[in-house]
């Protein structure tokens, strides 16, 4: 490899991964420094860094601060988690779907959203709060941030009639996704929108998508009691 223009970070990722699979790098081995791999492969250090980050996110290697990159001895089994279209989730259950946009405005993204999207500086994004209903009852309440740098065309969408979840799934492909699932007490606006008693434990799904390194959206979806999520591996 001699040109960073001809070989993307995904090419570098697959090359390093192939060395792990053929035992060139064995479990527990410390990999060469990013700078050394970049020199060997004829690419930028940032390209190797991006490839290593992807391998770490897949549970293949471990990035240790000041300790280099180690091949995992016990690789994590990854589960496939598709991004569903909420309307179809409801309709496939035999219920009637409805959607209500609670709020939509341009806001400076908070530090927590900026960090999880991998941005260095805070940006003005489109913040959408919306309620998805199943047979007239709250199903999912979402608090979504959309990057206007990556998805400027979202401003042309009538989000009172078409929900952002469905539009993004159909119109904005992604190649990287981060998901967090956790139970947390519903308070304030969330409890009010979900029609539950304050303090009720509900499942929250936080999801962030990117196209390469460009963030697309970050959403925190609060689900109704009894919500079920299916995965495949």
C-alpha atoms as a PDB file:
ATOM      1  CA  UNK A   1       0.000   0.000   0.000  1.00  0.00           C
ATOM      2  CA  UNK A   2       1.497   3.292  -1.067  1.00  0.00           C
ATOM      3  CA  UNK A   3      -1.375   5.777  -1.347  1.00  0.00           C
ATOM      4  CA  UNK A   4      -3.758   6.933   1.343  1.00  0.00           C
ATOM      5  CA  UNK A   5      -6.135   8.005  -1.426  1.00  0.00           C
ATOM      6  CA  UNK A   6      -6.386   4.481  -2.802  1.00  0.00           C
ATOM      7  CA  UNK A   7      -6.761   2.674   0.528  1.00  0.00           C
ATOM      8  CA  UNK A   8      -9.383   3.706   3.035  1.00  0.00           C
ATOM      9  CA  UNK A   9      -9.417   3.070   6.761  1.00  0.00           C
ATOM     10  CA  UNK A  10     -11.665   0.055   6.101  1.00  0.00           C
ATOM     11  CA  UNK A  11      -8.955  -1.444   3.858  1.00  0.00           C
ATOM     12  CA  UNK A  12      -6.418  -0.994   6.653  1.00  0.00           C
ATOM     13  CA  UNK A  13      -8.881  -2.462   9.150  1.00  0.00           C
ATOM     14  CA  UNK A  14      -9.348  -5.600   7.055  1.00  0.00           C
ATOM     15  CA  UNK A  15      -5.612  -6.006   6.588  1.00  0.00           C
ATOM     16  CA  UNK A  16      -4.932  -5.803  10.332  1.00  0.00           C
ATOM     17  CA  UNK A  17      -7.887  -8.083  11.036  1.00  0.00           C
ATOM     18  CA  UNK A  18      -6.556 -10.649   8.550  1.00  0.00           C
ATOM     19  CA  UNK A  19      -3.228 -10.658  10.402  1.00  0.00           C
ATOM     20  CA  UNK A  20      -5.099 -11.413  13.613  1.00  0.00           C
ATOM     21  CA  UNK A  21      -7.079 -14.205  11.954  1.00  0.00           C
ATOM     22  CA  UNK A  22      -3.973 -15.862  10.485  1.00  0.00           C
ATOM     23  CA  UNK A  23      -2.183 -15.567  13.863  1.00  0.00           C
ATOM     24  CA  UNK A  24       0.419 -13.080  12.706  1.00  0.00           C
ATOM     25  CA  UNK A  25      -0.851 -11.177  15.729  1.00  0.00           C
ATOM     26  CA  UNK A  26      -1.951 -13.634  18.431  1.00  0.00           C
ATOM     27  CA  UNK A  27      -4.331 -13.098  21.362  1.00  0.00           C
ATOM     28  CA  UNK A  28      -2.567 -10.996  23.963  1.00  0.00           C
ATOM     29  CA  UNK A  29       0.005  -9.649  21.498  1.00  0.00           C
ATOM     30  CA  UNK A  30       0.753  -5.956  21.486  1.00  0.00           C
ATOM     31  CA  UNK A  31       0.324  -4.503  18.019  1.00  0.00           C
ATOM     32  CA  UNK A  32       2.830  -2.113  16.456  1.00  0.00           C
ATOM     33  CA  UNK A  33       2.249   1.559  17.161  1.00  0.00           C
ATOM     34  CA  UNK A  34      -0.123   3.409  14.857  1.00  0.00           C
ATOM     35  CA  UNK A  35       2.811   5.462  13.585  1.00  0.00           C
ATOM     36  CA  UNK A  36       4.797   2.345  12.700  1.00  0.00           C
ATOM     37  CA  UNK A  37       1.857   0.703  10.936  1.00  0.00           C
ATOM     38  CA  UNK A  38       1.203   3.903   8.999  1.00  0.00           C
ATOM     39  CA  UNK A  39       4.824   3.944   7.845  1.00  0.00           C
ATOM     40  CA  UNK A  40       4.711   0.258   6.880  1.00  0.00           C
ATOM     41  CA  UNK A  41       1.412   0.519   5.032  1.00  0.00           C
ATOM     42  CA  UNK A  42       2.089   3.863   3.396  1.00  0.00           C
ATOM     43  CA  UNK A  43      -0.886   5.712   4.819  1.00  0.00           C
ATOM     44  CA  UNK A  44      -1.655   8.467   7.303  1.00  0.00           C
ATOM     45  CA  UNK A  45      -1.549   7.812  11.022  1.00  0.00           C
ATOM     46  CA  UNK A  46      -5.156   9.008  11.265  1.00  0.00           C
ATOM     47  CA  UNK A  47      -6.191   6.267   8.824  1.00  0.00           C
ATOM     48  CA  UNK A  48      -4.630   3.604  11.051  1.00  0.00           C
ATOM     49  CA  UNK A  49      -6.175   5.238  14.121  1.00  0.00           C
ATOM     50  CA  UNK A  50      -9.641   5.059  12.555  1.00  0.00           C
ATOM     51  CA  UNK A  51      -9.116   1.406  11.602  1.00  0.00           C
ATOM     52  CA  UNK A  52      -7.961   0.543  15.126  1.00  0.00           C
ATOM     53  CA  UNK A  53     -10.944   2.323  16.632  1.00  0.00           C
ATOM     54  CA  UNK A  54     -13.273   0.209  14.515  1.00  0.00           C
ATOM     55  CA  UNK A  55     -11.493  -2.987  15.580  1.00  0.00           C
ATOM     56  CA  UNK A  56     -11.782  -1.909  19.217  1.00  0.00           C
ATOM     57  CA  UNK A  57     -15.497  -1.169  18.801  1.00  0.00           C
ATOM     58  CA  UNK A  58     -15.904  -4.698  17.408  1.00  0.00           C
ATOM     59  CA  UNK A  59     -14.193  -6.226  20.435  1.00  0.00           C
ATOM     60  CA  UNK A  60     -11.243  -7.547  18.423  1.00  0.00           C
ATOM     61  CA  UNK A  61      -8.543  -5.380  19.997  1.00  0.00           C
ATOM     62  CA  UNK A  62      -8.268  -3.336  23.164  1.00  0.00           C
ATOM     63  CA  UNK A  63      -6.907   0.211  23.124  1.00  0.00           C
ATOM     64  CA  UNK A  64      -5.091   0.926  26.373  1.00  0.00           C
ATOM     65  CA  UNK A  65      -4.139   4.432  27.353  1.00  0.00           C
ATOM     66  CA  UNK A  66      -0.347   4.603  27.352  1.00  0.00           C
ATOM     67  CA  UNK A  67      -0.370   0.821  26.958  1.00  0.00           C
ATOM     68  CA  UNK A  68      -0.791   0.486  23.217  1.00  0.00           C
ATOM     69  CA  UNK A  69      -3.171  -1.819  21.354  1.00  0.00           C
ATOM     70  CA  UNK A  70      -3.589  -5.436  22.447  1.00  0.00           C
ATOM     71  CA  UNK A  71      -5.278  -8.303  20.600  1.00  0.00           C
ATOM     72  CA  UNK A  72      -8.171  -9.399  22.809  1.00  0.00           C
ATOM     73  CA  UNK A  73      -7.732 -12.816  24.416  1.00  0.00           C
ATOM     74  CA  UNK A  74     -11.504 -13.205  24.823  1.00  0.00           C
ATOM     75  CA  UNK A  75     -13.137 -11.476  21.843  1.00  0.00           C
ATOM     76  CA  UNK A  76     -16.612 -10.133  22.505  1.00  0.00           C
ATOM     77  CA  UNK A  77     -19.448 -11.769  20.585  1.00  0.00           C
ATOM     78  CA  UNK A  78     -21.210  -8.996  18.736  1.00  0.00           C
ATOM     79  CA  UNK A  79     -24.979  -8.909  18.307  1.00  0.00           C
ATOM     80  CA  UNK A  80     -26.695  -7.373  15.323  1.00  0.00           C
ATOM     81  CA  UNK A  81     -29.191  -4.703  16.324  1.00  0.00           C
ATOM     82  CA  UNK A  82     -31.141  -3.274  13.415  1.00  0.00           C
ATOM     83  CA  UNK A  83     -32.681   0.184  13.535  1.00  0.00           C
ATOM     84  CA  UNK A  84     -36.423  -0.403  13.240  1.00  0.00           C
ATOM     85  CA  UNK A  85     -38.994   1.869  11.655  1.00  0.00           C
ATOM     86  CA  UNK A  86     -41.212   2.561  14.655  1.00  0.00           C
ATOM     87  CA  UNK A  87     -44.383   2.765  12.562  1.00  0.00           C
ATOM     88  CA  UNK A  88     -43.760  -0.736  11.212  1.00  0.00           C
ATOM     89  CA  UNK A  89     -43.045  -2.054  14.714  1.00  0.00           C
ATOM     90  CA  UNK A  90     -46.477  -0.880  15.798  1.00  0.00           C
ATOM     91  CA  UNK A  91     -48.344  -2.001  12.690  1.00  0.00           C
ATOM     92  CA  UNK A  92     -46.719  -5.447  12.709  1.00  0.00           C
ATOM     93  CA  UNK A  93     -48.117  -5.960  16.202  1.00  0.00           C
ATOM     94  CA  UNK A  94     -51.600  -5.376  14.819  1.00  0.00           C
ATOM     95  CA  UNK A  95     -52.014  -1.973  16.443  1.00  0.00           C
ATOM     96  CA  UNK A  96     -52.806   1.402  14.901  1.00  0.00           C
ATOM     97  CA  UNK A  97     -49.846   3.755  14.654  1.00  0.00           C
ATOM     98  CA  UNK A  98     -49.942   7.501  15.288  1.00  0.00           C
ATOM     99  CA  UNK A  99     -47.268  10.173  15.610  1.00  0.00           C
ATOM    100  CA  UNK A 100     -47.122  13.504  17.380  1.00  0.00           C
ATOM    101  CA  UNK A 101     -44.249  15.983  17.135  1.00  0.00           C
ATOM    102  CA  UNK A 102     -43.909  17.589  20.547  1.00  0.00           C
ATOM    103  CA  UNK A 103     -41.189  20.109  19.693  1.00  0.00           C
ATOM    104  CA  UNK A 104     -38.724  20.930  16.905  1.00  0.00           C
ATOM    105  CA  UNK A 105     -36.118  23.668  17.043  1.00  0.00           C
ATOM    106  CA  UNK A 106     -32.532  24.655  16.278  1.00  0.00           C
ATOM    107  CA  UNK A 107     -30.436  24.377  19.438  1.00  0.00           C
ATOM    108  CA  UNK A 108     -26.790  24.313  20.401  1.00  0.00           C
ATOM    109  CA  UNK A 109     -26.156  20.655  21.166  1.00  0.00           C
ATOM    110  CA  UNK A 110     -25.246  19.968  24.804  1.00  0.00           C
ATOM    111  CA  UNK A 111     -21.789  18.733  25.697  1.00  0.00           C
ATOM    112  CA  UNK A 112     -23.007  15.168  26.266  1.00  0.00           C
ATOM    113  CA  UNK A 113     -24.397  14.923  22.730  1.00  0.00           C
ATOM    114  CA  UNK A 114     -21.326  16.605  21.248  1.00  0.00           C
ATOM    115  CA  UNK A 115     -19.080  14.077  22.992  1.00  0.00           C
ATOM    116  CA  UNK A 116     -21.032  10.967  22.015  1.00  0.00           C
ATOM    117  CA  UNK A 117     -21.102  12.128  18.381  1.00  0.00           C
ATOM    118  CA  UNK A 118     -17.328  12.489  18.447  1.00  0.00           C
ATOM    119  CA  UNK A 119     -17.307  16.214  17.737  1.00  0.00           C
ATOM    120  CA  UNK A 120     -14.656  18.577  19.042  1.00  0.00           C
ATOM    121  CA  UNK A 121     -16.862  21.666  19.279  1.00  0.00           C
ATOM    122  CA  UNK A 122     -20.560  22.143  19.993  1.00  0.00           C
ATOM    123  CA  UNK A 123     -22.747  22.748  16.950  1.00  0.00           C
ATOM    124  CA  UNK A 124     -26.254  24.011  16.327  1.00  0.00           C
ATOM    125  CA  UNK A 125     -28.361  20.975  15.470  1.00  0.00           C
ATOM    126  CA  UNK A 126     -31.996  20.161  14.903  1.00  0.00           C
ATOM    127  CA  UNK A 127     -33.559  18.906  18.135  1.00  0.00           C
ATOM    128  CA  UNK A 128     -36.790  16.968  17.725  1.00  0.00           C
ATOM    129  CA  UNK A 129     -38.978  15.639  20.507  1.00  0.00           C
ATOM    130  CA  UNK A 130     -41.683  13.290  19.291  1.00  0.00           C
ATOM    131  CA  UNK A 131     -44.152  10.741  20.602  1.00  0.00           C
ATOM    132  CA  UNK A 132     -44.993   7.512  18.764  1.00  0.00           C
ATOM    133  CA  UNK A 133     -48.299   5.912  19.751  1.00  0.00           C
ATOM    134  CA  UNK A 134     -49.716   2.401  19.536  1.00  0.00           C
ATOM    135  CA  UNK A 135     -53.513   2.227  19.606  1.00  0.00           C
ATOM    136  CA  UNK A 136     -53.511   5.717  21.049  1.00  0.00           C
ATOM    137  CA  UNK A 137     -51.142   4.851  23.898  1.00  0.00           C
ATOM    138  CA  UNK A 138     -47.532   6.075  24.261  1.00  0.00           C
ATOM    139  CA  UNK A 139     -45.139   3.595  22.637  1.00  0.00           C
ATOM    140  CA  UNK A 140     -41.835   5.465  22.248  1.00  0.00           C
ATOM    141  CA  UNK A 141     -40.880   8.998  23.181  1.00  0.00           C
ATOM    142  CA  UNK A 142     -37.775  10.212  21.398  1.00  0.00           C
ATOM    143  CA  UNK A 143     -35.426  13.107  21.990  1.00  0.00           C
ATOM    144  CA  UNK A 144     -33.377  13.341  18.811  1.00  0.00           C
ATOM    145  CA  UNK A 145     -30.465  15.500  17.635  1.00  0.00           C
ATOM    146  CA  UNK A 146     -29.680  15.663  13.912  1.00  0.00           C
ATOM    147  CA  UNK A 147     -26.445  17.101  12.542  1.00  0.00           C
ATOM    148  CA  UNK A 148     -27.234  19.831  10.043  1.00  0.00           C
ATOM    149  CA  UNK A 149     -23.677  19.585   8.720  1.00  0.00           C
ATOM    150  CA  UNK A 150     -24.277  15.968   7.651  1.00  0.00           C
ATOM    151  CA  UNK A 151     -28.019  16.053   6.957  1.00  0.00           C
ATOM    152  CA  UNK A 152     -28.916  19.607   5.799  1.00  0.00           C
ATOM    153  CA  UNK A 153     -31.801  18.278   3.699  1.00  0.00           C
ATOM    154  CA  UNK A 154     -33.733  17.373   6.856  1.00  0.00           C
ATOM    155  CA  UNK A 155     -34.780  21.038   6.969  1.00  0.00           C
ATOM    156  CA  UNK A 156     -36.905  20.462   3.854  1.00  0.00           C
ATOM    157  CA  UNK A 157     -38.870  17.621   5.481  1.00  0.00           C
ATOM    158  CA  UNK A 158     -42.270  18.315   7.026  1.00  0.00           C
ATOM    159  CA  UNK A 159     -41.570  16.668  10.371  1.00  0.00           C
ATOM    160  CA  UNK A 160     -45.101  17.258  11.581  1.00  0.00           C
ATOM    161  CA  UNK A 161     -46.309  14.767   8.988  1.00  0.00           C
ATOM    162  CA  UNK A 162     -43.270  12.494   8.533  1.00  0.00           C
ATOM    163  CA  UNK A 163     -41.289  11.349  11.541  1.00  0.00           C
ATOM    164  CA  UNK A 164     -37.513  11.698  11.567  1.00  0.00           C
ATOM    165  CA  UNK A 165     -36.965   8.042  12.504  1.00  0.00           C
ATOM    166  CA  UNK A 166     -38.567   6.783   9.308  1.00  0.00           C
ATOM    167  CA  UNK A 167     -37.094   9.476   7.073  1.00  0.00           C
ATOM    168  CA  UNK A 168     -33.536   8.866   8.291  1.00  0.00           C
ATOM    169  CA  UNK A 169     -33.767   5.075   7.999  1.00  0.00           C
ATOM    170  CA  UNK A 170     -34.919   5.407   4.389  1.00  0.00           C
ATOM    171  CA  UNK A 171     -32.888   8.388   3.214  1.00  0.00           C
ATOM    172  CA  UNK A 172     -29.675   8.634   5.207  1.00  0.00           C
ATOM    173  CA  UNK A 173     -27.554   5.435   5.109  1.00  0.00           C
ATOM    174  CA  UNK A 174     -24.984   4.923   7.832  1.00  0.00           C
ATOM    175  CA  UNK A 175     -22.012   2.604   8.201  1.00  0.00           C
ATOM    176  CA  UNK A 176     -21.338   2.920  11.926  1.00  0.00           C
ATOM    177  CA  UNK A 177     -23.711   2.755  14.864  1.00  0.00           C
ATOM    178  CA  UNK A 178     -23.427   2.894  18.643  1.00  0.00           C
ATOM    179  CA  UNK A 179     -26.243   1.645  20.895  1.00  0.00           C
ATOM    180  CA  UNK A 180     -26.722   1.762  24.655  1.00  0.00           C
ATOM    181  CA  UNK A 181     -29.601   0.100  26.514  1.00  0.00           C
ATOM    182  CA  UNK A 182     -30.432   0.874  30.118  1.00  0.00           C
ATOM    183  CA  UNK A 183     -33.290   1.158  32.573  1.00  0.00           C
ATOM    184  CA  UNK A 184     -33.833   4.499  34.255  1.00  0.00           C
ATOM    185  CA  UNK A 185     -36.543   6.205  36.248  1.00  0.00           C
ATOM    186  CA  UNK A 186     -38.880   8.335  34.139  1.00  0.00           C
ATOM    187  CA  UNK A 187     -39.152  11.857  35.486  1.00  0.00           C
ATOM    188  CA  UNK A 188     -40.586  15.200  34.426  1.00  0.00           C
ATOM    189  CA  UNK A 189     -41.382  15.536  30.736  1.00  0.00           C
ATOM    190  CA  UNK A 190     -40.674  11.872  29.991  1.00  0.00           C
ATOM    191  CA  UNK A 191     -43.060  10.595  32.676  1.00  0.00           C
ATOM    192  CA  UNK A 192     -45.674  13.069  31.479  1.00  0.00           C
ATOM    193  CA  UNK A 193     -45.400  12.060  27.816  1.00  0.00           C
ATOM    194  CA  UNK A 194     -45.316   8.320  28.576  1.00  0.00           C
ATOM    195  CA  UNK A 195     -48.283   8.590  30.987  1.00  0.00           C
ATOM    196  CA  UNK A 196     -46.475   6.785  33.804  1.00  0.00           C
ATOM    197  CA  UNK A 197     -45.979   7.658  37.436  1.00  0.00           C
ATOM    198  CA  UNK A 198     -42.795   9.665  38.094  1.00  0.00           C
ATOM    199  CA  UNK A 199     -40.027   7.286  39.110  1.00  0.00           C
ATOM    200  CA  UNK A 200     -41.293   4.380  36.962  1.00  0.00           C
ATOM    201  CA  UNK A 201     -38.420   2.362  35.524  1.00  0.00           C
ATOM    202  CA  UNK A 202     -38.479   2.376  31.724  1.00  0.00           C
ATOM    203  CA  UNK A 203     -36.120   0.999  29.084  1.00  0.00           C
ATOM    204  CA  UNK A 204     -34.092   3.708  27.321  1.00  0.00           C
ATOM    205  CA  UNK A 205     -32.311   3.157  24.016  1.00  0.00           C
ATOM    206  CA  UNK A 206     -29.577   5.622  23.060  1.00  0.00           C
ATOM    207  CA  UNK A 207     -28.402   5.316  19.485  1.00  0.00           C
ATOM    208  CA  UNK A 208     -25.875   7.283  17.447  1.00  0.00           C
ATOM    209  CA  UNK A 209     -25.172   6.794  13.753  1.00  0.00           C
ATOM    210  CA  UNK A 210     -22.344   8.021  11.527  1.00  0.00           C
ATOM    211  CA  UNK A 211     -21.404   7.974   7.869  1.00  0.00           C
ATOM    212  CA  UNK A 212     -17.691   7.315   8.197  1.00  0.00           C
ATOM    213  CA  UNK A 213     -16.659   9.983  10.737  1.00  0.00           C
ATOM    214  CA  UNK A 214     -19.562  12.347  10.043  1.00  0.00           C
ATOM    215  CA  UNK A 215     -22.265  12.107  12.725  1.00  0.00           C
ATOM    216  CA  UNK A 216     -25.827  11.758  11.453  1.00  0.00           C
ATOM    217  CA  UNK A 217     -28.057  11.595  14.502  1.00  0.00           C
ATOM    218  CA  UNK A 218     -28.183  10.829  18.203  1.00  0.00           C
ATOM    219  CA  UNK A 219     -31.479   9.775  19.732  1.00  0.00           C
ATOM    220  CA  UNK A 220     -32.632   8.819  23.184  1.00  0.00           C
ATOM    221  CA  UNK A 221     -35.755   6.686  22.851  1.00  0.00           C
ATOM    222  CA  UNK A 222     -37.820   5.957  25.949  1.00  0.00           C
ATOM    223  CA  UNK A 223     -40.029   2.903  25.547  1.00  0.00           C
ATOM    224  CA  UNK A 224     -43.355   1.967  27.076  1.00  0.00           C
ATOM    225  CA  UNK A 225     -43.611  -0.649  29.843  1.00  0.00           C
ATOM    226  CA  UNK A 226     -43.429  -4.134  28.330  1.00  0.00           C
ATOM    227  CA  UNK A 227     -41.485  -3.041  25.231  1.00  0.00           C
ATOM    228  CA  UNK A 228     -39.522  -5.886  23.622  1.00  0.00           C
ATOM    229  CA  UNK A 229     -36.343  -5.599  21.563  1.00  0.00           C
ATOM    230  CA  UNK A 230     -35.105  -8.431  19.328  1.00  0.00           C
ATOM    231  CA  UNK A 231     -31.514  -8.982  18.186  1.00  0.00           C
ATOM    232  CA  UNK A 232     -29.626 -11.463  16.018  1.00  0.00           C
ATOM    233  CA  UNK A 233     -26.022 -12.609  16.177  1.00  0.00           C
END
